[in-house]
Amino acid sequence: MYANKGEDLIVSTITSSTVAILSTPALGGSLPFIGIIFLVILLVQKELAYASTDQRLHRLSKALNISLVPLLCAFILVLIVKVGEVLR
């Protein structure tokens, strides 16, 4: 019912690490780039799995949609922000 102290420690560690990464200008600026690279890798993996004749790989191709949809949304958001910065 209630979270134990170990779970609180994990959440606070993750939160402080995320804030530290996003507040560092050198690392914060590279996060969209890392996300785009990860998106491309997942898209290639999905296409290779879909082209296979193995049924397990076809299921993997469908399962990759779970991670691709949020990354595509993030990519579109980054694209809109970057275009907005250029047009200012």
PDB file of N, CA and C in Angstrom:
ATOM      1  N   MET A   1       0.816  -1.180   0.000  1.00  0.00           N
ATOM      2  CA  MET A   1       0.000   0.000   0.000  1.00  0.00           C
ATOM      3  C   MET A   1       0.871   1.259   0.000  1.00  0.00           C
ATOM      4  N   TYR A   2       1.845   1.319   0.919  1.00  0.00           N
ATOM      5  CA  TYR A   2       2.734   2.465   0.994  1.00  0.00           C
ATOM      6  C   TYR A   2       4.092   2.101   0.424  1.00  0.00           C
ATOM      7  N   ALA A   3       4.734   3.081  -0.180  1.00  0.00           N
ATOM      8  CA  ALA A   3       6.073   2.831  -0.732  1.00  0.00           C
ATOM      9  C   ALA A   3       7.072   2.711   0.407  1.00  0.00           C
ATOM     10  N   ASN A   4       8.004   1.795   0.252  1.00  0.00           N
ATOM     11  CA  ASN A   4       9.016   1.670   1.292  1.00  0.00           C
ATOM     12  C   ASN A   4      10.163   2.623   1.019  1.00  0.00           C
ATOM     13  N   LYS A   5      11.095   2.708   1.966  1.00  0.00           N
ATOM     14  CA  LYS A   5      12.177   3.684   1.847  1.00  0.00           C
ATOM     15  C   LYS A   5      13.094   3.400   0.668  1.00  0.00           C
ATOM     16  N   GLY A   6      13.241   2.137   0.296  1.00  0.00           N
ATOM     17  CA  GLY A   6      14.082   1.800  -0.845  1.00  0.00           C
ATOM     18  C   GLY A   6      13.544   2.373  -2.143  1.00  0.00           C
ATOM     19  N   GLU A   7      12.223   2.333  -2.318  1.00  0.00           N
ATOM     20  CA  GLU A   7      11.612   2.887  -3.526  1.00  0.00           C
ATOM     21  C   GLU A   7      11.733   4.405  -3.544  1.00  0.00           C
ATOM     22  N   ASP A   8      11.592   5.047  -2.380  1.00  0.00           N
ATOM     23  CA  ASP A   8      11.752   6.504  -2.310  1.00  0.00           C
ATOM     24  C   ASP A   8      13.159   6.916  -2.681  1.00  0.00           C
ATOM     25  N   LEU A   9      14.144   6.133  -2.239  1.00  0.00           N
ATOM     26  CA  LEU A   9      15.538   6.434  -2.539  1.00  0.00           C
ATOM     27  C   LEU A   9      15.802   6.317  -4.033  1.00  0.00           C
ATOM     28  N   ILE A  10      15.235   5.310  -4.680  1.00  0.00           N
ATOM     29  CA  ILE A  10      15.431   5.129  -6.115  1.00  0.00           C
ATOM     30  C   ILE A  10      14.813   6.288  -6.887  1.00  0.00           C
ATOM     31  N   VAL A  11      13.608   6.679  -6.516  1.00  0.00           N
ATOM     32  CA  VAL A  11      12.928   7.773  -7.214  1.00  0.00           C
ATOM     33  C   VAL A  11      13.695   9.070  -7.038  1.00  0.00           C
ATOM     34  N   SER A  12      14.168   9.357  -5.833  1.00  0.00           N
ATOM     35  CA  SER A  12      14.910  10.600  -5.622  1.00  0.00           C
ATOM     36  C   SER A  12      16.247  10.586  -6.349  1.00  0.00           C
ATOM     37  N   THR A  13      16.893   9.426  -6.457  1.00  0.00           N
ATOM     38  CA  THR A  13      18.148   9.325  -7.193  1.00  0.00           C
ATOM     39  C   THR A  13      17.926   9.569  -8.681  1.00  0.00           C
ATOM     40  N   ILE A  14      16.882   8.961  -9.229  1.00  0.00           N
ATOM     41  CA  ILE A  14      16.572   9.160 -10.646  1.00  0.00           C
ATOM     42  C   ILE A  14      16.199  10.604 -10.918  1.00  0.00           C
ATOM     43  N   THR A  15      15.410  11.191 -10.046  1.00  0.00           N
ATOM     44  CA  THR A  15      14.995  12.576 -10.235  1.00  0.00           C
ATOM     45  C   THR A  15      16.187  13.520 -10.171  1.00  0.00           C
ATOM     46  N   SER A  16      17.065  13.342  -9.199  1.00  0.00           N
ATOM     47  CA  SER A  16      18.223  14.232  -9.096  1.00  0.00           C
ATOM     48  C   SER A  16      19.174  14.038 -10.273  1.00  0.00           C
ATOM     49  N   SER A  17      19.313  12.814 -10.755  1.00  0.00           N
ATOM     50  CA  SER A  17      20.171  12.573 -11.926  1.00  0.00           C
ATOM     51  C   SER A  17      19.595  13.229 -13.169  1.00  0.00           C
ATOM     52  N   THR A  18      18.284  13.124 -13.339  1.00  0.00           N
ATOM     53  CA  THR A  18      17.633  13.732 -14.502  1.00  0.00           C
ATOM     54  C   THR A  18      17.772  15.243 -14.473  1.00  0.00           C
ATOM     55  N   VAL A  19      17.567  15.850 -13.320  1.00  0.00           N
ATOM     56  CA  VAL A  19      17.708  17.301 -13.193  1.00  0.00           C
ATOM     57  C   VAL A  19      19.146  17.720 -13.467  1.00  0.00           C
ATOM     58  N   ALA A  20      20.110  16.961 -12.983  1.00  0.00           N
ATOM     59  CA  ALA A  20      21.518  17.295 -13.210  1.00  0.00           C
ATOM     60  C   ALA A  20      21.862  17.225 -14.696  1.00  0.00           C
ATOM     61  N   ILE A  21      21.349  16.227 -15.388  1.00  0.00           N
ATOM     62  CA  ILE A  21      21.639  16.092 -16.818  1.00  0.00           C
ATOM     63  C   ILE A  21      20.975  17.216 -17.610  1.00  0.00           C
ATOM     64  N   LEU A  22      19.730  17.519 -17.301  1.00  0.00           N
ATOM     65  CA  LEU A  22      19.017  18.537 -18.065  1.00  0.00           C
ATOM     66  C   LEU A  22      19.511  19.945 -17.765  1.00  0.00           C
ATOM     67  N   SER A  23      20.076  20.167 -16.597  1.00  0.00           N
ATOM     68  CA  SER A  23      20.563  21.501 -16.262  1.00  0.00           C
ATOM     69  C   SER A  23      21.972  21.753 -16.771  1.00  0.00           C
ATOM     70  N   THR A  24      22.679  20.735 -17.191  1.00  0.00           N
ATOM     71  CA  THR A  24      24.010  20.896 -17.773  1.00  0.00           C
ATOM     72  C   THR A  24      23.834  21.226 -19.249  1.00  0.00           C
ATOM     73  N   PRO A  25      24.272  22.419 -19.665  1.00  0.00           N
ATOM     74  CA  PRO A  25      24.029  22.822 -21.061  1.00  0.00           C
ATOM     75  C   PRO A  25      24.627  21.874 -22.096  1.00  0.00           C
ATOM     76  N   ALA A  26      25.811  21.347 -21.829  1.00  0.00           N
ATOM     77  CA  ALA A  26      26.442  20.469 -22.818  1.00  0.00           C
ATOM     78  C   ALA A  26      25.656  19.177 -22.986  1.00  0.00           C
ATOM     79  N   LEU A  27      25.166  18.611 -21.899  1.00  0.00           N
ATOM     80  CA  LEU A  27      24.418  17.367 -21.986  1.00  0.00           C
ATOM     81  C   LEU A  27      22.959  17.610 -22.353  1.00  0.00           C
ATOM     82  N   GLY A  28      22.392  18.687 -21.879  1.00  0.00           N
ATOM     83  CA  GLY A  28      20.990  18.983 -22.167  1.00  0.00           C
ATOM     84  C   GLY A  28      20.740  19.223 -23.640  1.00  0.00           C
ATOM     85  N   GLY A  29      21.706  19.813 -24.319  1.00  0.00           N
ATOM     86  CA  GLY A  29      21.558  20.062 -25.746  1.00  0.00           C
ATOM     87  C   GLY A  29      21.710  18.818 -26.594  1.00  0.00           C
ATOM     88  N   SER A  30      22.353  17.800 -26.057  1.00  0.00           N
ATOM     89  CA  SER A  30      22.572  16.592 -26.843  1.00  0.00           C
ATOM     90  C   SER A  30      21.460  15.562 -26.670  1.00  0.00           C
ATOM     91  N   LEU A  31      20.554  15.773 -25.732  1.00  0.00           N
ATOM     92  CA  LEU A  31      19.478  14.807 -25.523  1.00  0.00           C
ATOM     93  C   LEU A  31      18.578  14.628 -26.746  1.00  0.00           C
ATOM     94  N   PRO A  32      18.180  15.701 -27.431  1.00  0.00           N
ATOM     95  CA  PRO A  32      17.388  15.472 -28.654  1.00  0.00           C
ATOM     96  C   PRO A  32      18.157  14.672 -29.706  1.00  0.00           C
ATOM     97  N   PHE A  33      19.439  14.926 -29.820  1.00  0.00           N
ATOM     98  CA  PHE A  33      20.264  14.195 -30.785  1.00  0.00           C
ATOM     99  C   PHE A  33      20.319  12.711 -30.437  1.00  0.00           C
ATOM    100  N   ILE A  34      20.494  12.403 -29.160  1.00  0.00           N
ATOM    101  CA  ILE A  34      20.531  11.013 -28.711  1.00  0.00           C
ATOM    102  C   ILE A  34      19.183  10.339 -28.984  1.00  0.00           C
ATOM    103  N   GLY A  35      18.103  11.055 -28.735  1.00  0.00           N
ATOM    104  CA  GLY A  35      16.769  10.511 -28.995  1.00  0.00           C
ATOM    105  C   GLY A  35      16.543  10.219 -30.470  1.00  0.00           C
ATOM    106  N   ILE A  36      17.026  11.100 -31.325  1.00  0.00           N
ATOM    107  CA  ILE A  36      16.858  10.906 -32.774  1.00  0.00           C
ATOM    108  C   ILE A  36      17.676   9.709 -33.246  1.00  0.00           C
ATOM    109  N   ILE A  37      18.897   9.565 -32.741  1.00  0.00           N
ATOM    110  CA  ILE A  37      19.727   8.414 -33.095  1.00  0.00           C
ATOM    111  C   ILE A  37      19.046   7.127 -32.646  1.00  0.00           C
ATOM    112  N   PHE A  38      18.503   7.118 -31.427  1.00  0.00           N
ATOM    113  CA  PHE A  38      17.806   5.950 -30.906  1.00  0.00           C
ATOM    114  C   PHE A  38      16.572   5.643 -31.755  1.00  0.00           C
ATOM    115  N   LEU A  39      15.869   6.681 -32.197  1.00  0.00           N
ATOM    116  CA  LEU A  39      14.698   6.498 -33.062  1.00  0.00           C
ATOM    117  C   LEU A  39      15.089   5.840 -34.378  1.00  0.00           C
ATOM    118  N   VAL A  40      16.163   6.294 -34.981  1.00  0.00           N
ATOM    119  CA  VAL A  40      16.617   5.720 -36.251  1.00  0.00           C
ATOM    120  C   VAL A  40      17.017   4.255 -36.064  1.00  0.00           C
ATOM    121  N   ILE A  41      17.719   3.955 -34.963  1.00  0.00           N
ATOM    122  CA  ILE A  41      18.122   2.568 -34.700  1.00  0.00           C
ATOM    123  C   ILE A  41      16.895   1.680 -34.546  1.00  0.00           C
ATOM    124  N   LEU A  42      15.890   2.137 -33.800  1.00  0.00           N
ATOM    125  CA  LEU A  42      14.678   1.342 -33.626  1.00  0.00           C
ATOM    126  C   LEU A  42      13.908   1.163 -34.934  1.00  0.00           C
ATOM    127  N   LEU A  43      13.872   2.201 -35.764  1.00  0.00           N
ATOM    128  CA  LEU A  43      13.183   2.091 -37.056  1.00  0.00           C
ATOM    129  C   LEU A  43      13.880   1.073 -37.960  1.00  0.00           C
ATOM    130  N   VAL A  44      15.203   1.081 -37.979  1.00  0.00           N
ATOM    131  CA  VAL A  44      15.952   0.108 -38.789  1.00  0.00           C
ATOM    132  C   VAL A  44      15.713  -1.297 -38.264  1.00  0.00           C
ATOM    133  N   GLN A  45      15.753  -1.441 -36.936  1.00  0.00           N
ATOM    134  CA  GLN A  45      15.525  -2.748 -36.345  1.00  0.00           C
ATOM    135  C   GLN A  45      14.119  -3.256 -36.653  1.00  0.00           C
ATOM    136  N   LYS A  46      13.139  -2.372 -36.623  1.00  0.00           N
ATOM    137  CA  LYS A  46      11.763  -2.749 -36.932  1.00  0.00           C
ATOM    138  C   LYS A  46      11.639  -3.218 -38.381  1.00  0.00           C
ATOM    139  N   GLU A  47      12.255  -2.509 -39.296  1.00  0.00           N
ATOM    140  CA  GLU A  47      12.189  -2.892 -40.707  1.00  0.00           C
ATOM    141  C   GLU A  47      12.894  -4.222 -40.969  1.00  0.00           C
ATOM    142  N   LEU A  48      14.042  -4.422 -40.330  1.00  0.00           N
ATOM    143  CA  LEU A  48      14.752  -5.689 -40.510  1.00  0.00           C
ATOM    144  C   LEU A  48      13.950  -6.858 -39.934  1.00  0.00           C
ATOM    145  N   ALA A  49      13.317  -6.634 -38.795  1.00  0.00           N
ATOM    146  CA  ALA A  49      12.503  -7.694 -38.191  1.00  0.00           C
ATOM    147  C   ALA A  49      11.276  -7.978 -39.045  1.00  0.00           C
ATOM    148  N   TYR A  50      10.686  -6.938 -39.626  1.00  0.00           N
ATOM    149  CA  TYR A  50       9.490  -7.121 -40.446  1.00  0.00           C
ATOM    150  C   TYR A  50       9.809  -7.850 -41.751  1.00  0.00           C
ATOM    151  N   ALA A  51      11.016  -7.631 -42.281  1.00  0.00           N
ATOM    152  CA  ALA A  51      11.398  -8.260 -43.547  1.00  0.00           C
ATOM    153  C   ALA A  51      11.734  -9.735 -43.382  1.00  0.00           C
ATOM    154  N   SER A  52      11.923 -10.180 -42.170  1.00  0.00           N
ATOM    155  CA  SER A  52      12.268 -11.572 -41.916  1.00  0.00           C
ATOM    156  C   SER A  52      11.055 -12.479 -42.109  1.00  0.00           C
ATOM    157  N   THR A  53      11.321 -13.736 -42.333  1.00  0.00           N
ATOM    158  CA  THR A  53      10.237 -14.714 -42.473  1.00  0.00           C
ATOM    159  C   THR A  53       9.892 -15.374 -41.135  1.00  0.00           C
ATOM    160  N   ASP A  54      10.678 -15.129 -40.115  1.00  0.00           N
ATOM    161  CA  ASP A  54      10.453 -15.726 -38.794  1.00  0.00           C
ATOM    162  C   ASP A  54       9.292 -15.022 -38.090  1.00  0.00           C
ATOM    163  N   GLN A  55       8.372 -15.782 -37.547  1.00  0.00           N
ATOM    164  CA  GLN A  55       7.202 -15.228 -36.857  1.00  0.00           C
ATOM    165  C   GLN A  55       7.593 -14.462 -35.604  1.00  0.00           C
ATOM    166  N   ARG A  56       8.631 -14.935 -34.888  1.00  0.00           N
ATOM    167  CA  ARG A  56       9.076 -14.227 -33.686  1.00  0.00           C
ATOM    168  C   ARG A  56       9.544 -12.823 -34.027  1.00  0.00           C
ATOM    169  N   LEU A  57      10.229 -12.701 -35.143  1.00  0.00           N
ATOM    170  CA  LEU A  57      10.713 -11.379 -35.541  1.00  0.00           C
ATOM    171  C   LEU A  57       9.569 -10.479 -35.993  1.00  0.00           C
ATOM    172  N   HIS A  58       8.522 -11.051 -36.568  1.00  0.00           N
ATOM    173  CA  HIS A  58       7.341 -10.249 -36.910  1.00  0.00           C
ATOM    174  C   HIS A  58       6.680  -9.711 -35.647  1.00  0.00           C
ATOM    175  N   ARG A  59       6.621 -10.536 -34.602  1.00  0.00           N
ATOM    176  CA  ARG A  59       6.065 -10.070 -33.327  1.00  0.00           C
ATOM    177  C   ARG A  59       6.949  -8.991 -32.715  1.00  0.00           C
ATOM    178  N   LEU A  60       8.267  -9.137 -32.851  1.00  0.00           N
ATOM    179  CA  LEU A  60       9.187  -8.114 -32.367  1.00  0.00           C
ATOM    180  C   LEU A  60       8.952  -6.806 -33.105  1.00  0.00           C
ATOM    181  N   SER A  61       8.711  -6.895 -34.397  1.00  0.00           N
ATOM    182  CA  SER A  61       8.445  -5.710 -35.194  1.00  0.00           C
ATOM    183  C   SER A  61       7.214  -4.967 -34.677  1.00  0.00           C
ATOM    184  N   LYS A  62       6.182  -5.721 -34.323  1.00  0.00           N
ATOM    185  CA  LYS A  62       4.974  -5.092 -33.778  1.00  0.00           C
ATOM    186  C   LYS A  62       5.221  -4.542 -32.377  1.00  0.00           C
ATOM    187  N   ALA A  63       6.037  -5.237 -31.590  1.00  0.00           N
ATOM    188  CA  ALA A  63       6.317  -4.786 -30.220  1.00  0.00           C
ATOM    189  C   ALA A  63       7.157  -3.512 -30.206  1.00  0.00           C
ATOM    190  N   LEU A  64       7.946  -3.305 -31.226  1.00  0.00           N
ATOM    191  CA  LEU A  64       8.768  -2.095 -31.279  1.00  0.00           C
ATOM    192  C   LEU A  64       7.922  -0.838 -31.421  1.00  0.00           C
ATOM    193  N   ASN A  65       6.677  -0.979 -31.847  1.00  0.00           N
ATOM    194  CA  ASN A  65       5.795   0.184 -31.937  1.00  0.00           C
ATOM    195  C   ASN A  65       5.581   0.838 -30.583  1.00  0.00           C
ATOM    196  N   ILE A  66       5.673   0.050 -29.515  1.00  0.00           N
ATOM    197  CA  ILE A  66       5.474   0.587 -28.174  1.00  0.00           C
ATOM    198  C   ILE A  66       6.508   1.663 -27.870  1.00  0.00           C
ATOM    199  N   SER A  67       7.726   1.473 -28.304  1.00  0.00           N
ATOM    200  CA  SER A  67       8.754   2.481 -28.051  1.00  0.00           C
ATOM    201  C   SER A  67       8.856   3.502 -29.180  1.00  0.00           C
ATOM    202  N   LEU A  68       8.412   3.143 -30.361  1.00  0.00           N
ATOM    203  CA  LEU A  68       8.541   4.069 -31.492  1.00  0.00           C
ATOM    204  C   LEU A  68       7.543   5.220 -31.430  1.00  0.00           C
ATOM    205  N   VAL A  69       6.342   4.965 -30.987  1.00  0.00           N
ATOM    206  CA  VAL A  69       5.318   6.016 -30.975  1.00  0.00           C
ATOM    207  C   VAL A  69       5.733   7.193 -30.081  1.00  0.00           C
ATOM    208  N   PRO A  70       6.160   6.971 -28.826  1.00  0.00           N
ATOM    209  CA  PRO A  70       6.593   8.124 -28.020  1.00  0.00           C
ATOM    210  C   PRO A  70       7.827   8.817 -28.587  1.00  0.00           C
ATOM    211  N   LEU A  71       8.748   8.041 -29.162  1.00  0.00           N
ATOM    212  CA  LEU A  71       9.932   8.669 -29.746  1.00  0.00           C
ATOM    213  C   LEU A  71       9.575   9.500 -30.976  1.00  0.00           C
ATOM    214  N   LEU A  72       8.633   9.033 -31.764  1.00  0.00           N
ATOM    215  CA  LEU A  72       8.189   9.835 -32.909  1.00  0.00           C
ATOM    216  C   LEU A  72       7.516  11.130 -32.455  1.00  0.00           C
ATOM    217  N   CYS A  73       6.733  11.041 -31.387  1.00  0.00           N
ATOM    218  CA  CYS A  73       6.108  12.253 -30.831  1.00  0.00           C
ATOM    219  C   CYS A  73       7.172  13.226 -30.330  1.00  0.00           C
ATOM    220  N   ALA A  74       8.191  12.702 -29.647  1.00  0.00           N
ATOM    221  CA  ALA A  74       9.278  13.554 -29.162  1.00  0.00           C
ATOM    222  C   ALA A  74      10.048  14.156 -30.336  1.00  0.00           C
ATOM    223  N   PHE A  75      10.256  13.382 -31.390  1.00  0.00           N
ATOM    224  CA  PHE A  75      10.952  13.891 -32.570  1.00  0.00           C
ATOM    225  C   PHE A  75      10.172  15.040 -33.209  1.00  0.00           C
ATOM    226  N   ILE A  76       8.872  14.869 -33.320  1.00  0.00           N
ATOM    227  CA  ILE A  76       8.040  15.933 -33.900  1.00  0.00           C
ATOM    228  C   ILE A  76       8.091  17.187 -33.025  1.00  0.00           C
ATOM    229  N   LEU A  77       8.073  17.011 -31.711  1.00  0.00           N
ATOM    230  CA  LEU A  77       8.155  18.147 -30.803  1.00  0.00           C
ATOM    231  C   LEU A  77       9.497  18.859 -30.935  1.00  0.00           C
ATOM    232  N   VAL A  78      10.579  18.107 -30.999  1.00  0.00           N
ATOM    233  CA  VAL A  78      11.907  18.707 -31.177  1.00  0.00           C
ATOM    234  C   VAL A  78      11.980  19.437 -32.504  1.00  0.00           C
ATOM    235  N   LEU A  79      11.423  18.842 -33.531  1.00  0.00           N
ATOM    236  CA  LEU A  79      11.419  19.477 -34.852  1.00  0.00           C
ATOM    237  C   LEU A  79      10.662  20.798 -34.830  1.00  0.00           C
ATOM    238  N   ILE A  80       9.506  20.813 -34.182  1.00  0.00           N
ATOM    239  CA  ILE A  80       8.717  22.049 -34.095  1.00  0.00           C
ATOM    240  C   ILE A  80       9.474  23.122 -33.321  1.00  0.00           C
ATOM    241  N   VAL A  81      10.114  22.740 -32.222  1.00  0.00           N
ATOM    242  CA  VAL A  81      10.864  23.707 -31.418  1.00  0.00           C
ATOM    243  C   VAL A  81      12.042  24.263 -32.206  1.00  0.00           C
ATOM    244  N   LYS A  82      12.783  23.398 -32.894  1.00  0.00           N
ATOM    245  CA  LYS A  82      13.953  23.860 -33.652  1.00  0.00           C
ATOM    246  C   LYS A  82      13.540  24.759 -34.814  1.00  0.00           C
ATOM    247  N   VAL A  83      12.462  24.417 -35.486  1.00  0.00           N
ATOM    248  CA  VAL A  83      11.975  25.274 -36.581  1.00  0.00           C
ATOM    249  C   VAL A  83      11.506  26.608 -36.020  1.00  0.00           C
ATOM    250  N   GLY A  84      10.855  26.578 -34.859  1.00  0.00           N
ATOM    251  CA  GLY A  84      10.424  27.816 -34.209  1.00  0.00           C
ATOM    252  C   GLY A  84      11.596  28.706 -33.832  1.00  0.00           C
ATOM    253  N   GLU A  85      12.699  28.102 -33.377  1.00  0.00           N
ATOM    254  CA  GLU A  85      13.891  28.873 -33.050  1.00  0.00           C
ATOM    255  C   GLU A  85      14.501  29.519 -34.290  1.00  0.00           C
ATOM    256  N   VAL A  86      14.495  28.814 -35.390  1.00  0.00           N
ATOM    257  CA  VAL A  86      15.058  29.343 -36.627  1.00  0.00           C
ATOM    258  C   VAL A  86      14.209  30.486 -37.170  1.00  0.00           C
ATOM    259  N   LEU A  87      12.899  30.373 -37.053  1.00  0.00           N
ATOM    260  CA  LEU A  87      12.005  31.385 -37.619  1.00  0.00           C
ATOM    261  C   LEU A  87      11.903  32.648 -36.769  1.00  0.00           C
ATOM    262  N   ARG A  88      12.405  32.617 -35.562  1.00  0.00           N
ATOM    263  CA  ARG A  88      12.346  33.832 -34.720  1.00  0.00           C
ATOM    264  C   ARG A  88      13.174  34.929 -35.233  1.00  0.00           C
TER     265      ARG A  88
END
